[in-house]
Amino acid sequence: MDQHFVNTPFESNIPVILALIGIWYNNFHGAESEAILPYDQYLHRFAAYFQQGNMESNGKYVDRNGNPVTYQTGPIIWGEPGTNGQHAFYQLIHQGTKLIPCDFIAPAVSHNLVGDHHQKLMSNFFAQTEALAFGKSAQAVQAELEKAGKSAAEIAALVPFKVFEGNRPTNSILVKQITPRTLGNLIAMYEHKIFVQGVIWNIFSFDQWGVELGKQLANQILPELADSAAVTSHDSSTNGLINAFKAFRA
């Protein structure tokens, strides 16, 4: 993947394409988050890994010249594996009011061959991306309900709730199998995507000043927790929380 990124023209360069797609939805369509949805339990912490990788890198409001940016930078990254997510937050992705571009990742070959389990999992992988892209029209819903023998009144009542608008953006990333090499390629792909977006946004992706302030304040607060004396050195909210903490432990 490193060699691909360095040597491949932009129009065929996977990290560059992913970066541009992300910027398109982030900066031109107002998407505030991106979901990473792996259909493989071995990648169950993959989205969390890139919460750190992406948000710590591109969560910046100052450009490389030290000036506040006038555009959106890094998105919120989140996600869960496979059908766990389907029964948790896919409702919002399909029919909610927020635009959430999604990356679907899946292997063609499973490490755990249990009956037709993987085929069932992959049928959901393909179905979800199709449903997000094309949805279901009111006409299709009506025909489905008529076939099910619903009355005209029931159909009229149900149709608005069963329509899917579609046109929800997704990327499908299909690999042969999750192996160390495949995992490394996926990690490198997202790392290069983050770098490209940082260059386009003109921000420094590889510093993390945003984590410093909390550490500095924690170093000030730690010795204040060593005794039962009331604390007055912070804002009223923080003083109140620290003193309540001490009272609970008294």
Protein backbone atom coordinates (compact mmCIF):
# COMPACT_ATOMS: atom_id res chain seq x y z
CA MET A 1 0.00 0.00 0.00
CA ASP A 2 2.88 2.38 0.69
CA GLN A 3 4.28 1.72 -2.79
CA HIS A 4 0.81 2.06 -4.31
CA PHE A 5 0.35 5.43 -2.61
CA VAL A 6 3.74 6.75 -3.71
CA ASN A 7 3.70 5.49 -7.29
CA THR A 8 0.09 5.42 -8.47
CA PRO A 9 -1.43 8.39 -10.35
CA PHE A 10 -4.01 10.30 -8.34
CA GLU A 11 -6.96 9.15 -10.43
CA SER A 12 -6.26 5.52 -9.45
CA ASN A 13 -4.68 6.10 -6.05
CA ILE A 14 -6.86 4.50 -3.37
CA PRO A 15 -5.87 6.71 -0.39
CA VAL A 16 -6.15 9.85 -2.53
CA ILE A 17 -9.57 8.83 -3.81
CA LEU A 18 -10.79 8.05 -0.28
CA ALA A 19 -9.42 11.39 0.95
CA LEU A 20 -11.18 13.32 -1.80
CA ILE A 21 -14.46 11.47 -1.26
CA GLY A 22 -14.24 12.28 2.46
CA ILE A 23 -13.58 15.97 1.76
CA TRP A 24 -16.44 16.04 -0.73
CA TYR A 25 -18.96 14.93 1.87
CA ASN A 26 -17.35 16.77 4.79
CA ASN A 27 -16.80 20.15 3.18
CA PHE A 28 -19.45 20.27 0.47
CA HIS A 29 -22.33 18.21 1.87
CA GLY A 30 -21.99 19.01 5.57
CA ALA A 31 -21.32 15.48 6.80
CA GLU A 32 -19.88 15.70 10.31
CA SER A 33 -18.97 12.05 10.81
CA GLU A 34 -17.86 8.93 8.97
CA ALA A 35 -18.65 5.36 9.99
CA ILE A 36 -16.23 2.45 9.56
CA LEU A 37 -18.21 -0.80 9.47
CA PRO A 38 -16.14 -4.00 9.23
CA TYR A 39 -18.00 -7.24 8.63
CA ASP A 40 -15.40 -9.36 10.40
CA GLN A 41 -15.15 -9.77 14.17
CA TYR A 42 -11.35 -9.73 14.00
CA LEU A 43 -11.70 -6.05 13.03
CA HIS A 44 -14.06 -5.23 15.88
CA ARG A 45 -11.72 -2.50 17.20
CA PHE A 46 -10.70 -1.18 13.80
CA ALA A 47 -13.04 1.82 13.93
CA ALA A 48 -11.81 2.70 17.42
CA TYR A 49 -8.22 2.52 16.19
CA PHE A 50 -8.97 5.12 13.55
CA GLN A 51 -10.91 7.30 15.91
CA GLN A 52 -7.50 7.97 17.35
CA GLY A 53 -5.70 7.85 14.02
CA ASN A 54 -7.99 10.33 12.28
CA MET A 55 -9.41 12.56 15.01
CA GLU A 56 -6.11 13.11 16.81
CA SER A 57 -4.40 13.86 13.50
CA ASN A 58 -6.90 16.11 11.74
CA GLY A 59 -8.95 17.51 14.60
CA LYS A 60 -7.40 20.96 14.13
CA TYR A 61 -8.81 24.47 13.75
CA VAL A 62 -5.51 26.23 12.98
CA ASP A 63 -3.74 25.92 9.63
CA ARG A 64 -0.01 25.49 9.03
CA ASN A 65 0.46 29.26 9.14
CA GLY A 66 -1.13 29.53 12.57
CA ASN A 67 -4.38 31.03 11.28
CA PRO A 68 -7.89 29.80 12.16
CA VAL A 69 -9.38 27.82 9.29
CA THR A 70 -12.61 28.95 7.67
CA TYR A 71 -13.75 25.44 6.72
CA GLN A 72 -14.42 22.10 8.34
CA THR A 73 -11.47 19.78 8.99
CA GLY A 74 -11.41 16.29 10.52
CA PRO A 75 -14.71 14.41 10.89
CA ILE A 76 -15.94 12.33 13.81
CA ILE A 77 -14.98 8.68 13.23
CA TRP A 78 -17.02 5.85 14.71
CA GLY A 79 -18.40 2.41 13.95
CA GLU A 80 -19.03 -1.15 15.06
CA PRO A 81 -18.62 -4.52 13.37
CA GLY A 82 -21.21 -6.15 11.17
CA THR A 83 -24.66 -6.99 12.37
CA ASN A 84 -23.93 -5.54 15.83
CA GLY A 85 -24.17 -2.13 14.21
CA GLN A 86 -27.22 -3.07 12.16
CA HIS A 87 -29.26 -3.47 15.32
CA ALA A 88 -27.77 -0.41 17.00
CA PHE A 89 -27.45 2.62 14.71
CA TYR A 90 -28.21 1.63 11.10
CA GLN A 91 -31.74 2.99 11.58
CA LEU A 92 -30.27 6.48 11.81
CA ILE A 93 -27.99 5.93 8.82
CA HIS A 94 -30.89 4.71 6.66
CA GLN A 95 -33.73 7.00 7.73
CA GLY A 96 -32.24 9.66 9.99
CA THR A 97 -31.70 13.33 9.19
CA LYS A 98 -27.89 13.18 9.30
CA LEU A 99 -25.70 12.34 6.32
CA ILE A 100 -23.20 9.66 7.40
CA PRO A 101 -20.80 8.36 4.76
CA CYS A 102 -19.85 4.76 5.55
CA ASP A 103 -16.93 2.51 4.74
CA PHE A 104 -17.99 -1.15 4.62
CA ILE A 105 -15.07 -3.60 4.94
CA ALA A 106 -15.35 -7.37 4.51
CA PRO A 107 -13.29 -10.45 3.63
CA ALA A 108 -14.50 -12.94 1.02
CA VAL A 109 -12.99 -15.82 3.02
CA SER A 110 -13.57 -16.28 6.75
CA HIS A 111 -11.16 -17.81 9.25
CA ASN A 112 -14.12 -19.49 10.94
CA LEU A 113 -16.01 -21.76 8.56
CA VAL A 114 -19.19 -22.58 10.43
CA GLY A 115 -21.91 -23.74 8.06
CA ASP A 116 -23.17 -20.89 5.92
CA HIS A 117 -22.52 -18.29 8.62
CA HIS A 118 -20.16 -16.21 6.48
CA GLN A 119 -22.51 -16.25 3.50
CA LYS A 120 -25.27 -14.94 5.75
CA LEU A 121 -22.95 -12.24 7.07
CA MET A 122 -21.90 -11.24 3.56
CA SER A 123 -25.49 -11.19 2.35
CA ASN A 124 -26.03 -8.45 4.92
CA PHE A 125 -22.87 -6.64 3.78
CA PHE A 126 -24.09 -6.50 0.17
CA ALA A 127 -27.70 -5.78 1.16
CA GLN A 128 -26.86 -2.83 3.38
CA THR A 129 -24.81 -1.01 0.76
CA GLU A 130 -27.50 -1.62 -1.87
CA ALA A 131 -30.21 -0.40 0.49
CA LEU A 132 -28.26 2.73 1.40
CA ALA A 133 -27.60 3.52 -2.25
CA PHE A 134 -31.04 2.91 -3.72
CA GLY A 135 -33.49 2.82 -0.82
CA LYS A 136 -37.11 1.82 -1.36
CA SER A 137 -39.68 4.04 -3.07
CA ALA A 138 -43.25 4.65 -1.94
CA GLN A 139 -44.43 2.74 -5.00
CA ALA A 140 -42.34 -0.29 -4.06
CA VAL A 141 -43.59 -0.16 -0.48
CA GLN A 142 -47.20 0.09 -1.64
CA ALA A 143 -46.82 -2.87 -3.98
CA GLU A 144 -45.22 -4.91 -1.21
CA LEU A 145 -48.04 -4.14 1.22
CA GLU A 146 -50.70 -4.88 -1.37
CA LYS A 147 -49.08 -8.26 -2.02
CA ALA A 148 -49.15 -8.89 1.74
CA GLY A 149 -52.92 -8.32 1.73
CA LYS A 150 -52.98 -5.06 3.66
CA SER A 151 -56.05 -2.84 3.40
CA ALA A 152 -55.96 0.54 1.68
CA ALA A 153 -56.12 2.27 5.07
CA GLU A 154 -53.27 0.19 6.44
CA ILE A 155 -51.19 0.88 3.36
CA ALA A 156 -51.76 4.62 3.58
CA ALA A 157 -50.74 4.58 7.23
CA LEU A 158 -47.62 2.46 6.75
CA VAL A 159 -46.10 3.78 3.54
CA PRO A 160 -44.42 6.94 4.95
CA PHE A 161 -42.60 4.91 7.59
CA LYS A 162 -41.34 2.21 5.23
CA VAL A 163 -39.89 4.47 2.53
CA PHE A 164 -36.09 4.65 2.31
CA GLU A 165 -34.78 7.70 0.46
CA GLY A 166 -31.49 6.05 -0.49
CA ASN A 167 -28.62 8.10 -1.91
CA ARG A 168 -26.66 7.51 1.31
CA PRO A 169 -22.94 7.34 0.42
CA THR A 170 -20.85 4.24 1.06
CA ASN A 171 -17.49 2.79 0.08
CA SER A 172 -17.22 -1.01 -0.14
CA ILE A 173 -13.78 -2.44 0.58
CA LEU A 174 -13.69 -6.16 -0.20
CA VAL A 175 -10.54 -8.19 0.52
CA LYS A 176 -9.83 -11.88 0.09
CA GLN A 177 -9.14 -12.62 3.78
CA ILE A 178 -8.04 -10.77 6.90
CA THR A 179 -4.34 -11.59 7.20
CA PRO A 180 -1.44 -9.61 8.70
CA ARG A 181 -0.66 -8.27 5.23
CA THR A 182 -4.26 -7.34 4.52
CA LEU A 183 -4.61 -5.65 7.89
CA GLY A 184 -1.40 -3.73 7.28
CA ASN A 185 -2.68 -2.59 3.90
CA LEU A 186 -5.94 -1.40 5.43
CA ILE A 187 -4.14 0.50 8.17
CA ALA A 188 -1.72 2.10 5.70
CA MET A 189 -4.59 3.00 3.38
CA TYR A 190 -6.37 4.96 6.10
CA GLU A 191 -3.14 6.53 7.35
CA HIS A 192 -2.35 7.84 3.86
CA LYS A 193 -5.94 9.06 3.51
CA ILE A 194 -5.50 11.06 6.72
CA PHE A 195 -2.23 12.54 5.43
CA VAL A 196 -3.75 13.58 2.09
CA GLN A 197 -6.68 15.28 3.80
CA GLY A 198 -4.31 17.13 6.12
CA VAL A 199 -2.36 18.43 3.12
CA ILE A 200 -5.53 19.60 1.37
CA TRP A 201 -6.84 21.27 4.54
CA ASN A 202 -3.38 22.81 5.08
CA ILE A 203 -3.14 21.56 8.66
CA PHE A 204 -0.41 19.73 10.54
CA SER A 205 -1.68 16.16 10.91
CA PHE A 206 1.14 14.87 13.07
CA ASP A 207 1.03 16.96 16.22
CA GLN A 208 -1.46 16.55 19.04
CA TRP A 209 -1.45 19.77 21.02
CA GLY A 210 -5.12 19.22 21.81
CA VAL A 211 -4.29 16.51 24.36
CA GLU A 212 -1.84 18.68 26.32
CA LEU A 213 -4.16 21.02 28.21
CA GLY A 214 -6.07 18.26 29.97
CA LYS A 215 -2.80 16.64 31.06
CA GLN A 216 -1.49 19.94 32.43
CA LEU A 217 -4.66 20.55 34.43
CA ALA A 218 -4.68 16.94 35.67
CA ASN A 219 -1.16 17.47 37.06
CA GLN A 220 -2.45 20.50 38.96
CA ILE A 221 -5.52 18.71 40.27
CA LEU A 222 -3.86 15.45 41.36
CA PRO A 223 -2.20 16.88 44.52
CA GLU A 224 -5.45 18.67 45.39
CA LEU A 225 -7.12 15.27 45.75
CA ALA A 226 -4.68 14.11 48.40
CA ASP A 227 -6.55 15.64 51.36
CA SER A 228 -10.05 16.64 52.40
CA ALA A 229 -9.58 20.41 52.18
CA ALA A 230 -12.10 22.26 50.04
CA VAL A 231 -10.77 23.37 46.65
CA THR A 232 -11.36 26.91 45.39
CA SER A 233 -8.63 27.31 42.77
CA HIS A 234 -10.72 26.43 39.69
CA ASP A 235 -13.94 27.56 38.08
CA SER A 236 -17.13 27.05 40.06
CA SER A 237 -18.13 23.88 38.19
CA THR A 238 -14.75 22.16 38.61
CA ASN A 239 -14.49 23.26 42.25
CA GLY A 240 -17.94 21.84 42.90
CA LEU A 241 -17.13 18.52 41.24
CA ILE A 242 -13.82 18.09 43.08
CA ASN A 243 -15.38 18.97 46.42
CA ALA A 244 -18.30 16.59 45.80
CA PHE A 245 -15.78 13.86 44.96
CA LYS A 246 -13.98 14.52 48.24
CA ALA A 247 -17.25 14.51 50.18
CA PHE A 248 -18.22 11.12 48.72
CA ARG A 249 -14.88 9.68 49.81
CA ALA A 250 -14.90 11.18 53.30
